[in-house]
N, C-alpha and C. Protein backbone atom coordinates (compact mmCIF):
# COMPACT_ATOMS: atom_id res chain seq x y z
N MET A 1 0.81 -1.18 0.00
CA MET A 1 0.00 0.00 0.00
C MET A 1 0.86 1.26 0.00
N LYS A 2 1.91 1.24 0.82
CA LYS A 2 2.78 2.41 0.90
C LYS A 2 3.46 2.66 -0.44
N THR A 3 3.82 1.61 -1.14
CA THR A 3 4.47 1.80 -2.42
C THR A 3 3.51 2.39 -3.45
N LYS A 4 2.24 2.01 -3.40
CA LYS A 4 1.25 2.57 -4.32
C LYS A 4 1.06 4.06 -4.05
N ILE A 5 1.01 4.44 -2.79
CA ILE A 5 0.87 5.86 -2.44
C ILE A 5 2.12 6.61 -2.86
N LEU A 6 3.28 6.02 -2.65
CA LEU A 6 4.53 6.66 -3.02
C LEU A 6 4.61 6.84 -4.55
N ILE A 7 4.22 5.81 -5.29
CA ILE A 7 4.23 5.90 -6.75
C ILE A 7 3.24 6.95 -7.22
N LEU A 8 2.07 6.99 -6.62
CA LEU A 8 1.05 7.98 -6.98
C LEU A 8 1.55 9.38 -6.67
N THR A 9 2.20 9.58 -5.55
CA THR A 9 2.73 10.89 -5.16
C THR A 9 3.84 11.32 -6.12
N VAL A 10 4.75 10.42 -6.43
CA VAL A 10 5.84 10.75 -7.34
C VAL A 10 5.29 11.08 -8.72
N THR A 11 4.31 10.31 -9.21
CA THR A 11 3.70 10.56 -10.51
C THR A 11 3.01 11.91 -10.53
N ALA A 12 2.29 12.23 -9.46
CA ALA A 12 1.61 13.52 -9.38
C ALA A 12 2.62 14.66 -9.37
N ALA A 13 3.70 14.51 -8.63
CA ALA A 13 4.73 15.55 -8.56
C ALA A 13 5.38 15.74 -9.93
N MET A 14 5.66 14.65 -10.63
CA MET A 14 6.26 14.76 -11.96
C MET A 14 5.30 15.42 -12.94
N SER A 15 4.04 15.10 -12.84
CA SER A 15 3.04 15.70 -13.72
C SER A 15 2.95 17.19 -13.48
N LEU A 16 2.90 17.60 -12.22
CA LEU A 16 2.83 19.04 -11.90
C LEU A 16 4.08 19.76 -12.38
N THR A 17 5.24 19.14 -12.20
CA THR A 17 6.49 19.76 -12.64
C THR A 17 6.51 19.92 -14.15
N SER A 18 6.06 18.92 -14.89
CA SER A 18 6.07 19.02 -16.35
C SER A 18 5.06 20.06 -16.83
N PHE A 19 3.90 20.14 -16.19
CA PHE A 19 2.92 21.16 -16.58
C PHE A 19 3.46 22.57 -16.32
N THR A 20 4.15 22.75 -15.20
CA THR A 20 4.74 24.04 -14.88
C THR A 20 5.81 24.40 -15.91
N ALA A 21 6.66 23.42 -16.26
CA ALA A 21 7.72 23.66 -17.25
C ALA A 21 7.12 24.00 -18.60
N LEU A 22 6.06 23.28 -18.99
CA LEU A 22 5.40 23.57 -20.26
C LEU A 22 4.78 24.97 -20.26
N GLY A 23 4.22 25.35 -19.13
CA GLY A 23 3.64 26.69 -19.02
C GLY A 23 4.70 27.77 -19.16
N GLN A 24 5.88 27.54 -18.60
CA GLN A 24 6.97 28.51 -18.72
C GLN A 24 7.49 28.56 -20.15
N GLU A 25 7.57 27.40 -20.81
CA GLU A 25 8.00 27.37 -22.19
C GLU A 25 7.02 28.12 -23.09
N ASP A 26 5.73 27.99 -22.81
CA ASP A 26 4.73 28.71 -23.59
C ASP A 26 4.91 30.22 -23.43
N LYS A 27 5.18 30.66 -22.20
CA LYS A 27 5.40 32.09 -21.97
C LYS A 27 6.64 32.57 -22.73
N LYS A 28 7.71 31.79 -22.68
CA LYS A 28 8.95 32.17 -23.38
C LYS A 28 8.73 32.19 -24.89
N ALA A 29 8.01 31.20 -25.39
CA ALA A 29 7.74 31.15 -26.83
C ALA A 29 6.87 32.33 -27.25
N LYS A 30 5.92 32.67 -26.41
CA LYS A 30 5.04 33.80 -26.70
C LYS A 30 5.84 35.10 -26.75
N GLU A 31 6.74 35.27 -25.78
CA GLU A 31 7.59 36.47 -25.76
C GLU A 31 8.52 36.49 -26.97
N ALA A 32 9.05 35.33 -27.34
CA ALA A 32 9.94 35.26 -28.50
C ALA A 32 9.19 35.62 -29.78
N ARG A 33 7.96 35.12 -29.92
CA ARG A 33 7.16 35.47 -31.10
C ARG A 33 6.86 36.97 -31.13
N LYS A 34 6.62 37.53 -29.97
CA LYS A 34 6.35 38.97 -29.88
C LYS A 34 7.61 39.76 -30.29
N ASP A 35 8.78 39.31 -29.81
CA ASP A 35 10.03 39.98 -30.17
C ASP A 35 10.31 39.89 -31.67
N VAL A 36 10.03 38.75 -32.26
CA VAL A 36 10.23 38.58 -33.70
C VAL A 36 9.31 39.51 -34.48
N ALA A 37 8.06 39.61 -34.03
CA ALA A 37 7.11 40.50 -34.71
C ALA A 37 7.57 41.95 -34.63
N GLU A 38 8.06 42.37 -33.46
CA GLU A 38 8.56 43.74 -33.30
C GLU A 38 9.78 43.98 -34.18
N ALA A 39 10.67 42.98 -34.25
CA ALA A 39 11.86 43.13 -35.09
C ALA A 39 11.49 43.26 -36.56
N LYS A 40 10.51 42.49 -36.99
CA LYS A 40 10.06 42.59 -38.39
C LYS A 40 9.47 43.97 -38.66
N GLN A 41 8.71 44.50 -37.72
CA GLN A 41 8.12 45.83 -37.89
C GLN A 41 9.21 46.90 -37.94
N ASP A 42 10.22 46.77 -37.06
CA ASP A 42 11.33 47.72 -37.06
C ASP A 42 12.09 47.67 -38.38
N LEU A 43 12.29 46.48 -38.92
CA LEU A 43 12.98 46.33 -40.20
C LEU A 43 12.17 46.98 -41.32
N LYS A 44 10.88 46.78 -41.29
CA LYS A 44 10.01 47.38 -42.30
C LYS A 44 10.08 48.91 -42.24
N GLU A 45 10.05 49.46 -41.03
CA GLU A 45 10.14 50.92 -40.87
C GLU A 45 11.51 51.43 -41.31
N ALA A 46 12.56 50.67 -41.01
CA ALA A 46 13.91 51.08 -41.42
C ALA A 46 14.02 51.11 -42.94
N ARG A 47 13.42 50.14 -43.61
CA ARG A 47 13.45 50.13 -45.08
C ARG A 47 12.71 51.33 -45.65
N ILE A 48 11.58 51.67 -45.05
CA ILE A 48 10.81 52.83 -45.51
C ILE A 48 11.63 54.11 -45.31
N ASP A 49 12.26 54.24 -44.12
CA ASP A 49 13.10 55.41 -43.85
C ASP A 49 14.27 55.48 -44.82
N SER A 50 14.88 54.33 -45.09
CA SER A 50 16.01 54.29 -46.00
C SER A 50 15.60 54.71 -47.41
N ALA A 51 14.45 54.25 -47.84
CA ALA A 51 13.95 54.62 -49.17
C ALA A 51 13.67 56.12 -49.23
N ALA A 52 13.10 56.67 -48.16
CA ALA A 52 12.82 58.11 -48.13
C ALA A 52 14.12 58.91 -48.15
N ASN A 53 15.12 58.46 -47.39
CA ASN A 53 16.42 59.14 -47.38
C ASN A 53 17.08 59.07 -48.75
N PHE A 54 16.95 57.93 -49.40
CA PHE A 54 17.53 57.77 -50.74
C PHE A 54 16.89 58.74 -51.72
N GLN A 55 15.58 58.84 -51.69
CA GLN A 55 14.88 59.76 -52.60
C GLN A 55 15.27 61.21 -52.33
N LYS A 56 15.40 61.56 -51.05
CA LYS A 56 15.81 62.92 -50.68
C LYS A 56 17.22 63.20 -51.20
N PHE A 57 18.14 62.26 -50.98
CA PHE A 57 19.51 62.40 -51.46
C PHE A 57 19.54 62.57 -52.96
N LYS A 58 18.78 61.74 -53.67
CA LYS A 58 18.79 61.77 -55.13
C LYS A 58 18.27 63.11 -55.65
N LYS A 59 17.21 63.65 -55.06
CA LYS A 59 16.67 64.94 -55.49
C LYS A 59 17.68 66.06 -55.25
N GLU A 60 18.31 66.05 -54.06
CA GLU A 60 19.30 67.08 -53.76
C GLU A 60 20.50 66.99 -54.70
N ALA A 61 20.94 65.77 -54.98
CA ALA A 61 22.09 65.59 -55.87
C ALA A 61 21.75 66.04 -57.29
N GLU A 62 20.56 65.71 -57.76
CA GLU A 62 20.15 66.14 -59.11
C GLU A 62 20.10 67.66 -59.19
N ALA A 63 19.59 68.30 -58.16
CA ALA A 63 19.53 69.76 -58.13
C ALA A 63 20.94 70.36 -58.15
N SER A 64 21.84 69.75 -57.40
CA SER A 64 23.21 70.24 -57.35
C SER A 64 23.91 70.06 -58.70
N ILE A 65 23.69 68.93 -59.33
CA ILE A 65 24.29 68.69 -60.65
C ILE A 65 23.76 69.69 -61.67
N THR A 66 22.47 69.96 -61.64
CA THR A 66 21.88 70.94 -62.56
C THR A 66 22.44 72.33 -62.29
N GLU A 67 22.59 72.66 -61.02
CA GLU A 67 23.15 73.97 -60.65
C GLU A 67 24.58 74.11 -61.17
N LYS A 68 25.36 73.05 -61.02
CA LYS A 68 26.74 73.10 -61.51
C LYS A 68 26.80 73.16 -63.03
N LYS A 69 25.85 72.51 -63.69
CA LYS A 69 25.79 72.55 -65.15
C LYS A 69 25.53 73.99 -65.62
N ILE A 70 24.66 74.68 -64.91
CA ILE A 70 24.36 76.08 -65.24
C ILE A 70 25.59 76.96 -65.03
N LYS A 71 26.29 76.75 -63.92
CA LYS A 71 27.50 77.54 -63.65
C LYS A 71 28.57 77.30 -64.72
N ILE A 72 28.71 76.03 -65.12
CA ILE A 72 29.69 75.70 -66.17
C ILE A 72 29.31 76.38 -67.48
N ALA A 73 28.02 76.39 -67.80
CA ALA A 73 27.55 77.04 -69.02
C ALA A 73 27.82 78.55 -68.96
N GLU A 74 27.64 79.15 -67.78
CA GLU A 74 27.92 80.58 -67.62
C GLU A 74 29.41 80.85 -67.84
N LEU A 75 30.26 79.99 -67.28
CA LEU A 75 31.70 80.16 -67.46
C LEU A 75 32.08 79.98 -68.93
N LYS A 76 31.43 79.04 -69.57
CA LYS A 76 31.70 78.77 -70.98
C LYS A 76 31.31 79.98 -71.84
N ALA A 77 30.20 80.59 -71.50
CA ALA A 77 29.71 81.75 -72.26
C ALA A 77 30.56 82.98 -72.00
N LYS A 78 31.18 83.04 -70.83
CA LYS A 78 31.98 84.20 -70.44
C LYS A 78 33.18 84.39 -71.37
N LYS A 79 33.85 83.33 -71.69
CA LYS A 79 35.03 83.32 -72.57
C LYS A 79 36.09 84.32 -72.11
N MET A 80 37.27 83.91 -72.31
CA MET A 80 38.40 84.79 -71.96
C MET A 80 38.73 85.67 -73.15
N SER A 81 39.12 86.89 -72.89
CA SER A 81 39.43 87.81 -73.98
C SER A 81 40.93 87.93 -74.21
N GLU A 82 41.69 87.04 -73.58
CA GLU A 82 43.15 87.10 -73.73
C GLU A 82 43.59 86.32 -74.97
N ASN A 83 44.86 86.00 -75.02
CA ASN A 83 45.41 85.34 -76.22
C ASN A 83 44.82 83.94 -76.42
N SER A 84 45.05 83.41 -77.59
CA SER A 84 44.43 82.14 -77.98
C SER A 84 44.95 80.95 -77.16
N GLU A 85 46.19 81.02 -76.70
CA GLU A 85 46.73 79.92 -75.89
C GLU A 85 46.00 79.82 -74.56
N ASP A 86 45.79 80.96 -73.93
CA ASP A 86 45.05 80.97 -72.66
C ASP A 86 43.61 80.54 -72.88
N LYS A 87 43.06 80.94 -74.00
CA LYS A 87 41.68 80.57 -74.32
C LYS A 87 41.56 79.07 -74.48
N LYS A 88 42.55 78.43 -75.12
CA LYS A 88 42.53 76.98 -75.31
C LYS A 88 42.61 76.26 -73.95
N LYS A 89 43.47 76.75 -73.08
CA LYS A 89 43.59 76.17 -71.73
C LYS A 89 42.26 76.29 -70.98
N TYR A 90 41.67 77.47 -71.09
CA TYR A 90 40.39 77.73 -70.42
C TYR A 90 39.31 76.81 -70.95
N ASP A 91 39.23 76.67 -72.27
CA ASP A 91 38.23 75.79 -72.88
C ASP A 91 38.45 74.33 -72.47
N LYS A 92 39.72 73.95 -72.33
CA LYS A 92 40.05 72.59 -71.91
C LYS A 92 39.56 72.35 -70.47
N LYS A 93 39.77 73.34 -69.61
CA LYS A 93 39.32 73.22 -68.22
C LYS A 93 37.79 73.13 -68.15
N ILE A 94 37.13 73.93 -68.97
CA ILE A 94 35.66 73.91 -69.01
C ILE A 94 35.18 72.54 -69.48
N ALA A 95 35.82 71.99 -70.49
CA ALA A 95 35.44 70.67 -71.00
C ALA A 95 35.63 69.59 -69.92
N ALA A 96 36.71 69.71 -69.16
CA ALA A 96 36.96 68.75 -68.08
C ALA A 96 35.87 68.85 -67.00
N LEU A 97 35.45 70.08 -66.70
CA LEU A 97 34.38 70.27 -65.72
C LEU A 97 33.07 69.68 -66.21
N GLU A 98 32.78 69.89 -67.49
CA GLU A 98 31.55 69.33 -68.07
C GLU A 98 31.59 67.80 -68.01
N LYS A 99 32.73 67.23 -68.31
CA LYS A 99 32.88 65.77 -68.29
C LYS A 99 32.67 65.23 -66.88
N LYS A 100 33.27 65.89 -65.90
CA LYS A 100 33.12 65.45 -64.51
C LYS A 100 31.66 65.55 -64.06
N ASN A 101 30.99 66.61 -64.45
CA ASN A 101 29.57 66.78 -64.10
C ASN A 101 28.72 65.68 -64.75
N ASP A 102 29.03 65.36 -66.00
CA ASP A 102 28.31 64.28 -66.69
C ASP A 102 28.56 62.92 -66.02
N GLU A 103 29.80 62.70 -65.58
CA GLU A 103 30.13 61.46 -64.88
C GLU A 103 29.34 61.34 -63.58
N LEU A 104 29.21 62.47 -62.88
CA LEU A 104 28.44 62.46 -61.64
C LEU A 104 26.96 62.17 -61.92
N ARG A 105 26.45 62.71 -63.01
CA ARG A 105 25.05 62.45 -63.40
C ARG A 105 24.86 60.95 -63.66
N LYS A 106 25.79 60.34 -64.40
CA LYS A 106 25.70 58.91 -64.70
C LYS A 106 25.80 58.07 -63.42
N LYS A 107 26.71 58.49 -62.56
CA LYS A 107 26.89 57.79 -61.29
C LYS A 107 25.60 57.83 -60.46
N LEU A 108 24.95 58.98 -60.47
CA LEU A 108 23.69 59.14 -59.74
C LEU A 108 22.59 58.31 -60.38
N ASP A 109 22.55 58.27 -61.70
CA ASP A 109 21.53 57.47 -62.39
C ASP A 109 21.70 55.97 -62.12
N ASN A 110 22.95 55.55 -61.92
CA ASN A 110 23.22 54.13 -61.68
C ASN A 110 23.24 53.75 -60.20
N CYS A 111 23.00 54.70 -59.32
CA CYS A 111 23.10 54.41 -57.89
C CYS A 111 21.95 53.55 -57.39
N ASP A 112 20.90 53.35 -58.19
CA ASP A 112 19.81 52.46 -57.78
C ASP A 112 20.33 51.04 -57.57
N ALA A 113 21.37 50.67 -58.29
CA ALA A 113 21.92 49.32 -58.19
C ALA A 113 22.86 49.15 -57.00
N THR A 114 23.15 50.24 -56.30
CA THR A 114 24.05 50.17 -55.16
C THR A 114 23.39 49.39 -54.03
N LYS A 115 24.13 48.47 -53.46
CA LYS A 115 23.60 47.67 -52.35
C LYS A 115 23.47 48.53 -51.11
N THR A 116 22.55 48.16 -50.26
CA THR A 116 22.30 48.91 -49.03
C THR A 116 23.55 48.97 -48.16
N ASP A 117 24.33 47.88 -48.15
CA ASP A 117 25.55 47.85 -47.35
C ASP A 117 26.56 48.91 -47.80
N ASN A 118 26.59 49.19 -49.09
CA ASN A 118 27.55 50.14 -49.66
C ASN A 118 26.99 51.55 -49.76
N TRP A 119 25.76 51.75 -49.33
CA TRP A 119 25.08 53.03 -49.50
C TRP A 119 25.83 54.17 -48.85
N THR A 120 26.28 53.98 -47.61
CA THR A 120 26.95 55.06 -46.89
C THR A 120 28.24 55.47 -47.58
N SER A 121 29.03 54.50 -48.00
CA SER A 121 30.29 54.84 -48.68
C SER A 121 30.03 55.49 -50.03
N PHE A 122 29.00 55.03 -50.74
CA PHE A 122 28.65 55.64 -52.03
C PHE A 122 28.28 57.11 -51.81
N LYS A 123 27.47 57.36 -50.81
CA LYS A 123 27.01 58.72 -50.53
C LYS A 123 28.18 59.64 -50.17
N GLU A 124 29.08 59.15 -49.32
CA GLU A 124 30.25 59.96 -48.94
C GLU A 124 31.13 60.26 -50.15
N GLU A 125 31.37 59.24 -50.96
CA GLU A 125 32.20 59.43 -52.15
C GLU A 125 31.54 60.40 -53.13
N PHE A 126 30.23 60.29 -53.29
CA PHE A 126 29.51 61.17 -54.21
C PHE A 126 29.59 62.62 -53.73
N TYR A 127 29.34 62.84 -52.43
CA TYR A 127 29.43 64.20 -51.88
C TYR A 127 30.84 64.75 -52.03
N HIS A 128 31.84 63.91 -51.82
CA HIS A 128 33.23 64.34 -51.97
C HIS A 128 33.50 64.80 -53.40
N ASP A 129 33.06 64.00 -54.38
CA ASP A 129 33.24 64.36 -55.78
C ASP A 129 32.48 65.64 -56.13
N MET A 130 31.28 65.79 -55.59
CA MET A 130 30.49 67.01 -55.84
C MET A 130 31.20 68.24 -55.28
N ASN A 131 31.76 68.10 -54.09
CA ASN A 131 32.47 69.22 -53.48
C ASN A 131 33.72 69.58 -54.28
N GLU A 132 34.43 68.57 -54.77
CA GLU A 132 35.61 68.84 -55.61
C GLU A 132 35.21 69.59 -56.88
N LEU A 133 34.14 69.16 -57.50
CA LEU A 133 33.67 69.82 -58.72
C LEU A 133 33.27 71.27 -58.42
N GLY A 134 32.56 71.46 -57.32
CA GLY A 134 32.17 72.82 -56.93
C GLY A 134 33.37 73.71 -56.70
N GLN A 135 34.40 73.17 -56.05
CA GLN A 135 35.61 73.94 -55.80
C GLN A 135 36.34 74.25 -57.10
N ALA A 136 36.36 73.29 -58.01
CA ALA A 136 37.01 73.51 -59.31
C ALA A 136 36.28 74.61 -60.09
N ILE A 137 34.97 74.62 -60.01
CA ILE A 137 34.19 75.67 -60.70
C ILE A 137 34.51 77.03 -60.08
N LYS A 138 34.58 77.09 -58.76
CA LYS A 138 34.92 78.36 -58.10
C LYS A 138 36.32 78.82 -58.49
N ASP A 139 37.25 77.87 -58.52
CA ASP A 139 38.65 78.21 -58.86
C ASP A 139 38.77 78.73 -60.28
N ILE A 140 38.09 78.12 -61.22
CA ILE A 140 38.19 78.57 -62.59
C ILE A 140 37.51 79.93 -62.76
N GLY A 141 36.47 80.15 -61.98
CA GLY A 141 35.79 81.45 -62.03
C GLY A 141 36.67 82.54 -61.48
N VAL A 142 37.42 82.24 -60.40
CA VAL A 142 38.33 83.20 -59.81
C VAL A 142 39.50 83.46 -60.75
N ASN A 143 40.04 82.40 -61.33
CA ASN A 143 41.16 82.54 -62.27
C ASN A 143 40.75 83.36 -63.49
N ASN A 144 39.53 83.24 -63.91
CA ASN A 144 39.04 83.96 -65.08
C ASN A 144 38.90 85.46 -64.79
N GLU A 145 38.53 85.79 -63.57
CA GLU A 145 38.29 87.20 -63.23
C GLU A 145 39.59 87.98 -63.03
N LYS A 146 40.68 87.29 -62.80
CA LYS A 146 41.97 87.99 -62.58
C LYS A 146 42.50 88.61 -63.81
């Protein structure tokens, strides 16, 4: 009789322990599913923000390229009134500026293919090139006025 009571008690204790463990696992699984859902939502929002930032960058870059194209055209129209050798050098510099501006336009048009991982470096490099072009335009304008 004592062994039957002991077996019944041990079985009941094991059953209660397993039910408690299963209940804790359900809570952990529920929390994990909630965390996964939140992570998916955060990823979705990050993609939307990234797309919005990309569109903003692209519009600003296109405006800057157009602005530089106008400045180059103004410099081209200005023409130097000095000797023909200086004029040839000036025209060569203007052509180089136009080429660089066109390269930046092509680079911007092809940036859709840039991977998200490389986006930051692409953006930094593009801004660096834009700043160099802007400085070159300023320098040639200053050299022309002297």
